[in-house]
Amino acid sequence: DTLYSLALITRKKAVRHEKSFKELGKRLILAASENDLLLDQIGANGLSEMVWSMAILNLQEETAFLNSICNDLNERQHFLGQLSSHDLANLIWSFARLNYAHFGVMMSISRALRKQILIQNPTSYDIVRAIWAFAHLVRRIESRSQGHLVSAVESTYTVRNDLAELRHEGRAMLYRLRRLVLKAENTRTDTDTHEKKDTTFVLHSGQIADIYWALTVFGYRNDME
């Protein structure tokens, strides 16, 4: 709860001591990592909030603790089914913001997110965040492989396969976003009757910029519609 509170204050830019908050966050992570039973006691929302808090506080270097979180998520994948589409989009965005690419967990989050999108009414904010996250992770893995930072265990074939899967998930999100935008366009306010039929699926300038960037990352060139 303390880590989450620090992240909320940092996000609202309510203080000017972000470095101090980051150092305090590191201490909290260190204390948490020394408690072997801590992650077992935290529920799905707690884990999601913890990763988001680490992203907001820029705790990218805490890879050992992130490994523990991902191992826990792998063992308790039913947790992902307890999260909303908003929480899942935030979770995958947080991992991307932390420059942390655990392929298995990313795919599990994506599958859970796609299921929730079919059940719930997602916002453009959530879907665009997920699209940005996939694009960022693709770029991250590409830079690692080009910089020879990929371990010997990770073969060239494995890296290429992971990149293809991540691009596929990103494209699936783009397709879903396109359908929602078209649906909103077809159900806008009827100017003759002034009867509002549906809420418009609004995209802001920053989101549009993220989408165009993702299109290039996912391999779209001449067919940007």
Protein backbone atom coordinates (compact mmCIF):
# COMPACT_ATOMS: atom_id res chain seq x y z
CA ASP A 1 0.00 0.00 0.00
CA THR A 2 2.87 2.37 0.79
CA LEU A 3 4.50 1.76 -2.60
CA TYR A 4 1.17 2.40 -4.35
CA SER A 5 0.65 5.62 -2.39
CA LEU A 6 4.11 6.86 -3.37
CA ALA A 7 3.33 6.13 -7.01
CA LEU A 8 0.01 7.98 -6.86
CA ILE A 9 1.66 11.07 -5.40
CA THR A 10 4.46 10.91 -7.98
CA ARG A 11 1.98 10.53 -10.83
CA LYS A 12 0.02 13.57 -9.69
CA LYS A 13 3.32 15.47 -9.43
CA ALA A 14 2.24 16.59 -5.99
CA VAL A 15 5.85 16.68 -4.78
CA ARG A 16 9.20 17.76 -6.19
CA HIS A 17 11.18 14.99 -4.53
CA GLU A 18 10.71 12.20 -7.06
CA LYS A 19 14.27 10.94 -6.53
CA SER A 20 13.61 10.59 -2.80
CA PHE A 21 10.41 8.70 -3.53
CA LYS A 22 12.30 6.42 -5.91
CA GLU A 23 14.90 5.66 -3.23
CA LEU A 24 12.15 4.94 -0.73
CA GLY A 25 10.52 2.68 -3.32
CA LYS A 26 13.79 0.77 -3.70
CA ARG A 27 13.91 0.21 0.05
CA LEU A 28 10.35 -1.05 0.06
CA ILE A 29 11.13 -3.46 -2.78
CA LEU A 30 14.23 -4.68 -0.92
CA ALA A 31 12.17 -5.33 2.20
CA ALA A 32 9.48 -7.07 0.14
CA SER A 33 12.03 -9.28 -1.63
CA GLU A 34 13.30 -10.52 1.73
CA ASN A 35 9.83 -11.76 2.64
CA ASP A 36 9.39 -15.06 0.78
CA LEU A 37 5.71 -15.26 1.68
CA LEU A 38 4.74 -11.73 0.64
CA LEU A 39 3.72 -12.44 -2.95
CA ASP A 40 1.65 -15.42 -1.82
CA GLN A 41 -0.36 -13.08 0.38
CA ILE A 42 -1.09 -10.53 -2.35
CA GLY A 43 -4.09 -10.88 -4.63
CA ALA A 44 -4.44 -10.13 -8.32
CA ASN A 45 -5.16 -6.42 -7.90
CA GLY A 46 -2.32 -6.08 -5.42
CA LEU A 47 0.20 -7.55 -7.85
CA SER A 48 -1.10 -5.33 -10.65
CA GLU A 49 -0.84 -2.22 -8.47
CA MET A 50 2.68 -3.21 -7.38
CA VAL A 51 3.97 -3.49 -10.96
CA TRP A 52 2.24 -0.21 -11.90
CA SER A 53 3.80 1.51 -8.88
CA MET A 54 7.25 0.27 -9.87
CA ALA A 55 6.71 1.66 -13.37
CA ILE A 56 5.61 5.09 -12.11
CA LEU A 57 8.59 5.25 -9.72
CA ASN A 58 10.98 4.16 -12.53
CA LEU A 59 12.27 1.09 -10.71
CA GLN A 60 13.53 -0.63 -13.89
CA GLU A 61 16.62 -1.97 -12.17
CA GLU A 62 14.61 -4.17 -9.78
CA THR A 63 14.65 -7.09 -12.23
CA ALA A 64 15.05 -9.77 -9.56
CA PHE A 65 11.79 -8.73 -7.90
CA LEU A 66 10.07 -8.47 -11.29
CA ASN A 67 11.24 -12.02 -11.99
CA SER A 68 9.60 -13.14 -8.76
CA ILE A 69 6.34 -11.42 -9.70
CA CYS A 70 6.33 -13.05 -13.13
CA ASN A 71 7.09 -16.46 -11.65
CA ASP A 72 4.15 -15.96 -9.32
CA LEU A 73 1.88 -14.94 -12.19
CA ASN A 74 2.97 -18.02 -14.15
CA GLU A 75 1.99 -20.24 -11.23
CA ARG A 76 -1.31 -18.43 -10.63
CA GLN A 77 -2.49 -17.48 -14.09
CA HIS A 78 -6.10 -17.56 -12.88
CA PHE A 79 -5.25 -14.22 -11.24
CA LEU A 80 -5.33 -12.56 -14.64
CA GLY A 81 -8.94 -13.60 -15.11
CA GLN A 82 -9.82 -11.58 -12.00
CA LEU A 83 -8.56 -8.32 -13.49
CA SER A 84 -10.59 -5.89 -15.59
CA SER A 85 -9.57 -4.82 -19.09
CA HIS A 86 -8.34 -1.54 -17.56
CA ASP A 87 -6.18 -3.38 -15.01
CA LEU A 88 -4.75 -5.74 -17.64
CA ALA A 89 -3.91 -2.90 -20.01
CA ASN A 90 -2.22 -1.06 -17.15
CA LEU A 91 -0.30 -4.21 -16.22
CA ILE A 92 1.16 -4.82 -19.66
CA TRP A 93 1.88 -1.08 -20.02
CA SER A 94 3.71 -1.17 -16.69
CA PHE A 95 5.94 -4.07 -17.74
CA ALA A 96 6.74 -2.24 -20.98
CA ARG A 97 7.47 1.00 -19.13
CA LEU A 98 9.88 -0.98 -16.95
CA ASN A 99 11.56 -2.35 -20.11
CA TYR A 100 10.83 -5.81 -18.80
CA ALA A 101 9.87 -8.43 -21.37
CA HIS A 102 8.80 -11.78 -19.92
CA PHE A 103 7.36 -13.34 -23.04
CA GLY A 104 5.19 -15.99 -21.36
CA VAL A 105 3.58 -13.53 -18.98
CA MET A 106 3.04 -10.94 -21.73
CA MET A 107 1.17 -13.51 -23.81
CA SER A 108 -0.92 -14.58 -20.82
CA ILE A 109 -1.86 -10.97 -20.07
CA SER A 110 -2.72 -10.37 -23.73
CA ARG A 111 -4.99 -13.41 -23.91
CA ALA A 112 -6.75 -12.35 -20.72
CA LEU A 113 -7.12 -8.81 -22.05
CA ARG A 114 -8.66 -9.95 -25.32
CA LYS A 115 -11.20 -12.02 -23.38
CA GLN A 116 -12.11 -9.10 -21.15
CA ILE A 117 -12.47 -6.76 -24.13
CA LEU A 118 -15.19 -9.06 -25.47
CA ILE A 119 -17.00 -9.01 -22.13
CA GLN A 120 -16.53 -5.43 -20.99
CA ASN A 121 -16.67 -2.05 -22.69
CA PRO A 122 -13.02 -0.98 -22.93
CA THR A 123 -11.94 2.60 -23.43
CA SER A 124 -9.64 3.90 -26.14
CA TYR A 125 -7.20 4.70 -23.34
CA ASP A 126 -6.92 1.04 -22.34
CA ILE A 127 -6.54 -0.39 -25.83
CA VAL A 128 -4.06 2.24 -27.01
CA ARG A 129 -2.00 1.64 -23.88
CA ALA A 130 -1.84 -2.07 -24.70
CA ILE A 131 -0.93 -1.32 -28.32
CA TRP A 132 1.87 1.01 -27.20
CA ALA A 133 3.12 -1.63 -24.75
CA PHE A 134 3.40 -4.33 -27.44
CA ALA A 135 5.18 -1.93 -29.79
CA HIS A 136 7.59 -0.87 -27.05
CA LEU A 137 8.36 -4.49 -26.13
CA VAL A 138 9.02 -5.33 -29.79
CA ARG A 139 11.47 -2.44 -30.02
CA ARG A 140 13.06 -3.50 -26.73
CA ILE A 141 13.66 -7.09 -27.88
CA GLU A 142 14.92 -5.88 -31.26
CA SER A 143 17.46 -3.58 -29.62
CA ARG A 144 18.62 -6.37 -27.32
CA SER A 145 19.15 -8.76 -30.21
CA GLN A 146 20.91 -6.15 -32.36
CA GLY A 147 23.13 -5.18 -29.44
CA HIS A 148 24.03 -8.82 -28.78
CA LEU A 149 22.38 -8.65 -25.35
CA VAL A 150 20.38 -11.82 -25.95
CA SER A 151 21.66 -14.72 -23.87
CA ALA A 152 23.02 -17.90 -25.41
CA VAL A 153 19.87 -19.67 -24.27
CA GLU A 154 17.76 -17.38 -26.45
CA SER A 155 18.36 -18.61 -29.98
CA THR A 156 17.82 -16.40 -32.99
CA TYR A 157 14.80 -18.53 -33.85
CA THR A 158 13.29 -17.99 -30.40
CA VAL A 159 13.77 -14.24 -30.60
CA ARG A 160 12.21 -14.07 -34.06
CA ASN A 161 9.29 -16.18 -32.90
CA ASP A 162 8.73 -13.99 -29.84
CA LEU A 163 8.81 -10.86 -31.99
CA ALA A 164 6.31 -12.36 -34.42
CA GLU A 165 3.95 -13.27 -31.57
CA LEU A 166 4.19 -9.82 -30.00
CA ARG A 167 3.51 -8.16 -33.36
CA HIS A 168 0.53 -10.47 -33.85
CA GLU A 169 -0.92 -9.47 -30.48
CA GLY A 170 -0.35 -5.80 -31.25
CA ARG A 171 -2.07 -6.12 -34.62
CA ALA A 172 -4.99 -7.92 -32.98
CA MET A 173 -5.38 -4.96 -30.61
CA LEU A 174 -5.21 -2.54 -33.54
CA TYR A 175 -7.93 -4.51 -35.32
CA ARG A 176 -10.12 -4.41 -32.22
CA LEU A 177 -9.51 -0.67 -31.86
CA ARG A 178 -10.47 -0.10 -35.50
CA ARG A 179 -13.75 -1.98 -35.01
CA LEU A 180 -14.62 0.05 -31.93
CA VAL A 181 -13.83 3.34 -33.68
CA LEU A 182 -15.97 2.37 -36.69
CA LYS A 183 -18.79 1.30 -34.39
CA ALA A 184 -18.65 4.65 -32.63
CA GLU A 185 -18.68 6.49 -35.96
CA ASN A 186 -21.80 4.59 -37.00
CA THR A 187 -23.61 5.31 -33.74
CA ARG A 188 -22.83 8.99 -33.22
CA THR A 189 -25.52 11.50 -32.35
CA ASP A 190 -28.18 11.79 -35.03
CA THR A 191 -28.11 15.51 -35.85
CA ASP A 192 -31.69 15.44 -37.12
CA THR A 193 -33.30 13.90 -34.05
CA HIS A 194 -30.62 14.92 -31.54
CA GLU A 195 -30.98 11.45 -30.11
CA LYS A 196 -27.71 10.13 -28.72
CA LYS A 197 -27.45 6.47 -29.62
CA ASP A 198 -24.01 5.60 -28.22
CA THR A 199 -20.94 7.05 -26.58
CA THR A 200 -18.33 8.17 -29.10
CA PHE A 201 -15.05 6.27 -28.95
CA VAL A 202 -12.76 9.30 -28.79
CA LEU A 203 -9.09 9.22 -29.76
CA HIS A 204 -6.86 12.08 -28.65
CA SER A 205 -3.81 13.44 -30.47
CA GLY A 206 -1.33 11.67 -28.20
CA GLN A 207 -3.11 8.36 -28.73
CA ILE A 208 -3.13 8.84 -32.50
CA ALA A 209 0.62 9.48 -32.41
CA ASP A 210 1.13 6.25 -30.44
CA ILE A 211 -1.00 4.34 -32.94
CA TYR A 212 0.98 5.58 -35.95
CA TRP A 213 4.23 4.70 -34.22
CA ALA A 214 2.90 1.22 -33.42
CA LEU A 215 1.84 0.74 -37.04
CA THR A 216 5.43 1.20 -38.18
CA VAL A 217 6.74 -1.11 -35.46
CA PHE A 218 4.28 -3.85 -36.41
CA GLY A 219 5.34 -3.70 -40.05
CA TYR A 220 2.61 -1.59 -41.64
CA ARG A 221 4.01 0.66 -44.33
CA ASN A 222 1.85 1.52 -47.35
CA ASP A 223 -1.50 0.28 -46.06
CA MET A 224 -2.12 2.67 -43.16
CA GLU A 225 -5.83 3.36 -43.25
